Amino acid sequence: MSEIQLLVLDIDGTISGRLNVVSEPVKRAVRAVQARGIRVAIATGRMYGSAKRFHAAIGSDLPLICYQGAWFGLPETDERIRHVPLSQKIALELLDRLAAPEWESLSVHCYIDDRLIVGDLSPITQEYVKRSKIQPEVVPDLSAALAANPPTKLLALGKDTELVGRLLIDVREAYRPEELYLTTSTPFFFEATDPRANKGSAVKYLAEETLGLSADRVMAIGDNFNDLEMLVYAGIGVAMGDAPEGVSSRANWVAPSVEEDGVVAAIERFILNDAG
């Protein structure tokens, strides 16, 4: 087994559970990793502003990867060092599609310059902003907002997971993978970014272009479909215990759940246990 030199962690469902914080055992395990000279980074679907406190909690000195990899930021200075926005043309087409009666129960979130732009404050949007600790901006016309600026990500969310799943299938039939990256970080979220913006390509860029590391020196831990590409890329890909079968089946190992501090178990198994 190659020596791991970079550990990449997802946030929700991986280092953050019901309480929306990083537990003390996870913090201690990450500090033990860093004490060995191993770099630790975060890769999340969250907004940059929402993810910064987790970056601080684990004491990372690397760029913060947000929006599935569409945004690299440096929390020390708030400099954005890499941005891959979604095509305005495709974003506007998605808005038109989501305006159909079939999808009217879904709330639509647009992310522009790390601002959350919404058409209204639905109950599920209010739940989202409470957990994200982000103040949304309500506008009368989302299309006009998108026409003025390219969005980093577009999110449609709802309580009906079957409806979200149907939307995912519907849009995947309309666009090629080279045109649009589609994923879910929870069964309630439909997420769309530029095809170059996924956690696999983001972690590859961080490892190879920034740190000069090969994939076999990388360990990644995540819990859902938006983590799949980075788990497959990494030399060691660990799925959390709550991960869907389509994710866990592609991982090298399945850790306990987030509420059981599965990240600690993974770190102990693959990094702190010198016997491997």
Foldseek 3Di string as FASTA:
>chain_A
DDAAQEEEEEQEFAQADPVLAGDPLLLVLLVVLVVVVRAYAYAYLDFPLLCVVVCVSNVHQAWHHYNQRQWTAGVVVRDTDHHAFADLVVVLVVVVVCVDPLNVQKWKWFAFPSATEGQDCDVVNVVVCVSSVHDHDHDPDVNVVSVVGGTQKMKIFDPPLVSLVVVQVVVPVVDPLQRWDWFDLDSGIIMIGHSCRANLNNVCCCACVVVNHAQANYEYEGAEGSCQNNQQSHNFREYEPNHPPVRRVNGPYYFYTNVVNRVSVVSVVRPVVVVD
